Amino acid sequence: MANIITSLRIILSAALLFCPALSAAFYAVYAAAGITDMIDGAVARKMKTTSEFGSRLDTIADLSLVAASLIKLLPVLDIPIWLCIWIGAIAAIKSINIAYGFALQKKLVAMHSVMNKIAGAMLFLFPFTLPFIDFRYGAAVVCAAATAAAVHEWHCVRTGRKETAGFLPRHNNQK
């Protein structure tokens, strides 16, 4: 059941490409996709059907939603250069974290710390704020949270503090 919910996010991400950016249809499909992201892991844990496949499918679904959202939103947003640089710096820190985590554990390590979850939730909610809050202000708040999460993640990877880093896959392997 959890993998069906996760697969639905991939389908909704594709559907998002056919919705006009920032329209009611866009927001409805985007919200539905977000809900699948919130519940698939909980369903997998409750039904004791967690798996490595589910974890990988979840990552693919997340990337699908991000890609579809960017394809729809980037053309309608006037992104200032300072924000592009800030986003690039966050991406660089996250990339270093992934590479260093891989070097240490010889596998990709998903960091699901509280800070990462808060930053992710803020990023998900960000498009809903566009009609009400100036894009630059909302983006600065989200980038501040993402920067704090990325730096915290770097610290946890660097020090090997697994208990605070949240070195947990979204779908724990059950044997």
Protein backbone atom coordinates (compact mmCIF):
# COMPACT_ATOMS: atom_id res chain seq x y z
CA MET A 1 0.00 0.00 0.00
CA ALA A 2 2.80 2.45 0.87
CA ASN A 3 4.48 1.89 -2.50
CA ILE A 4 1.16 2.57 -4.23
CA ILE A 5 0.88 5.87 -2.36
CA THR A 6 4.47 6.73 -3.27
CA SER A 7 3.82 5.80 -6.92
CA LEU A 8 0.82 8.11 -6.88
CA ARG A 9 3.22 10.99 -6.11
CA ILE A 10 5.10 10.22 -9.33
CA ILE A 11 1.83 10.25 -11.29
CA LEU A 12 0.74 13.50 -9.61
CA SER A 13 4.12 15.03 -10.40
CA ALA A 14 3.58 14.24 -14.08
CA ALA A 15 0.05 15.67 -13.88
CA LEU A 16 1.47 18.86 -12.38
CA LEU A 17 3.23 19.52 -15.69
CA PHE A 18 -0.18 19.96 -17.34
CA CYS A 19 -1.45 22.50 -14.79
CA PRO A 20 -0.93 26.23 -15.29
CA ALA A 21 1.59 27.48 -12.73
CA LEU A 22 0.03 28.86 -9.55
CA SER A 23 -3.50 28.00 -10.70
CA ALA A 24 -6.10 26.30 -8.52
CA ALA A 25 -5.40 23.05 -10.38
CA PHE A 26 -1.66 23.45 -9.75
CA TYR A 27 -2.18 23.94 -6.03
CA ALA A 28 -4.64 21.02 -5.78
CA VAL A 29 -2.33 18.56 -7.54
CA TYR A 30 0.72 19.88 -5.67
CA ALA A 31 -1.08 19.51 -2.31
CA ALA A 32 -2.22 15.97 -3.16
CA ALA A 33 1.37 15.04 -4.06
CA GLY A 34 2.58 16.54 -0.78
CA ILE A 35 0.05 14.53 1.19
CA THR A 36 1.35 11.32 -0.38
CA ASP A 37 4.82 12.30 0.79
CA MET A 38 3.58 12.80 4.32
CA ILE A 39 1.73 9.51 4.64
CA ASP A 40 3.63 6.87 2.63
CA GLY A 41 6.33 6.26 5.24
CA ALA A 42 3.81 6.16 8.09
CA VAL A 43 1.69 3.65 6.18
CA ALA A 44 4.76 1.47 5.49
CA ARG A 45 5.75 1.48 9.16
CA LYS A 46 2.22 0.85 10.43
CA MET A 47 1.67 -2.04 7.99
CA LYS A 48 5.22 -3.34 8.59
CA THR A 49 5.94 -3.26 4.85
CA THR A 50 9.03 -1.10 4.87
CA SER A 51 11.70 -1.98 2.34
CA GLU A 52 14.80 -0.75 0.56
CA PHE A 53 12.72 -0.63 -2.64
CA GLY A 54 10.19 1.62 -0.90
CA SER A 55 12.95 3.92 0.25
CA ARG A 56 14.36 4.20 -3.26
CA LEU A 57 10.90 4.68 -4.78
CA ASP A 58 10.26 7.46 -2.26
CA THR A 59 13.46 9.21 -3.36
CA ILE A 60 12.44 8.93 -7.02
CA ALA A 61 8.99 10.29 -6.18
CA ASP A 62 10.49 13.20 -4.23
CA LEU A 63 12.80 14.05 -7.13
CA SER A 64 9.88 13.82 -9.56
CA LEU A 65 7.86 16.30 -7.53
CA VAL A 66 10.78 18.70 -7.16
CA ALA A 67 11.58 18.54 -10.89
CA ALA A 68 7.95 19.08 -11.94
CA SER A 69 7.58 21.95 -9.47
CA LEU A 70 10.74 23.63 -10.74
CA ILE A 71 9.68 23.19 -14.36
CA LYS A 72 6.39 24.95 -13.60
CA LEU A 73 7.61 27.62 -11.16
CA LEU A 74 10.97 28.78 -12.47
CA PRO A 75 9.54 30.40 -15.62
CA VAL A 76 7.05 32.48 -13.60
CA LEU A 77 9.39 33.60 -10.81
CA ASP A 78 11.84 36.47 -11.07
CA ILE A 79 14.72 35.03 -9.07
CA PRO A 80 17.37 37.58 -8.04
CA ILE A 81 21.05 36.66 -8.40
CA TRP A 82 21.66 36.72 -4.64
CA LEU A 83 19.04 34.02 -4.23
CA CYS A 84 20.59 31.89 -7.00
CA ILE A 85 23.95 32.13 -5.25
CA TRP A 86 22.41 31.21 -1.89
CA ILE A 87 20.58 28.21 -3.37
CA GLY A 88 23.82 27.16 -5.08
CA ALA A 89 25.68 27.35 -1.77
CA ILE A 90 23.03 25.18 -0.07
CA ALA A 91 23.23 22.67 -2.92
CA ALA A 92 27.03 22.62 -2.60
CA ILE A 93 26.87 21.92 1.13
CA LYS A 94 24.27 19.19 0.60
CA SER A 95 26.42 17.64 -2.16
CA ILE A 96 29.48 17.65 0.09
CA ASN A 97 27.40 16.01 2.84
CA ILE A 98 26.27 13.27 0.46
CA ALA A 99 29.79 12.66 -0.84
CA TYR A 100 31.34 12.62 2.62
CA GLY A 101 28.58 10.37 3.99
CA PHE A 102 29.14 8.00 1.07
CA ALA A 103 32.89 8.00 1.67
CA LEU A 104 32.33 7.08 5.31
CA GLN A 105 29.62 4.44 4.90
CA LYS A 106 30.07 3.26 1.28
CA LYS A 107 26.37 3.92 0.64
CA LEU A 108 24.10 6.89 0.19
CA VAL A 109 22.93 8.11 3.56
CA ALA A 110 19.61 9.93 3.83
CA MET A 111 19.63 12.48 6.61
CA HIS A 112 16.19 12.83 8.14
CA SER A 113 16.99 15.13 11.02
CA VAL A 114 14.34 17.36 12.54
CA MET A 115 16.02 20.39 10.96
CA ASN A 116 15.92 18.78 7.51
CA LYS A 117 12.26 17.92 7.97
CA ILE A 118 11.42 21.48 9.01
CA ALA A 119 13.32 22.92 6.04
CA GLY A 120 11.61 20.44 3.72
CA ALA A 121 8.18 21.35 5.08
CA MET A 122 8.92 25.04 4.63
CA LEU A 123 10.08 24.42 1.07
CA PHE A 124 6.92 22.43 0.33
CA LEU A 125 4.69 25.17 1.75
CA PHE A 126 6.58 27.96 -0.03
CA PRO A 127 4.50 27.94 -3.27
CA PHE A 128 1.34 28.40 -1.18
CA THR A 129 2.78 31.66 0.20
CA LEU A 130 3.46 33.23 -3.20
CA PRO A 131 0.07 34.96 -3.54
CA PHE A 132 0.45 36.56 -0.09
CA ILE A 133 4.13 37.08 0.73
CA ASP A 134 6.74 38.77 -1.44
CA PHE A 135 8.73 36.01 -3.15
CA ARG A 136 12.10 37.36 -1.97
CA TYR A 137 11.12 37.44 1.70
CA GLY A 138 9.60 33.98 1.68
CA ALA A 139 12.58 32.59 -0.23
CA ALA A 140 15.00 34.15 2.26
CA VAL A 141 13.20 32.47 5.19
CA VAL A 142 13.20 29.09 3.44
CA CYS A 143 16.86 29.46 2.45
CA ALA A 144 17.82 30.38 6.01
CA ALA A 145 16.14 27.22 7.30
CA ALA A 146 17.72 25.11 4.53
CA THR A 147 21.15 26.58 5.26
CA ALA A 148 20.82 25.80 8.97
CA ALA A 149 19.70 22.25 8.14
CA ALA A 150 22.54 21.70 5.65
CA VAL A 151 25.18 22.99 8.08
CA HIS A 152 23.71 20.86 10.89
CA GLU A 153 23.76 17.87 8.56
CA TRP A 154 27.42 18.59 7.68
CA HIS A 155 28.28 18.72 11.37
CA CYS A 156 26.50 15.42 12.05
CA VAL A 157 28.16 13.68 9.10
CA ARG A 158 31.57 15.10 10.03
CA THR A 159 31.34 14.07 13.68
CA GLY A 160 29.51 10.80 13.02
CA ARG A 161 26.70 11.78 15.40
CA LYS A 162 24.15 9.35 14.05
CA GLU A 163 21.77 9.79 16.95
CA THR A 164 21.29 13.47 16.12
CA ALA A 165 21.80 13.20 12.39
CA GLY A 166 18.87 10.95 11.76
CA PHE A 167 20.80 8.38 9.71
CA LEU A 168 17.54 6.58 9.06
CA PRO A 169 16.12 5.55 5.72
CA ARG A 170 12.56 6.70 5.14
CA HIS A 171 11.46 3.09 5.05
CA ASN A 172 13.39 1.06 7.61
CA ASN A 173 14.45 -2.37 6.41
CA GLN A 174 12.48 -5.09 8.15
CA LYS A 175 13.91 -8.60 8.12
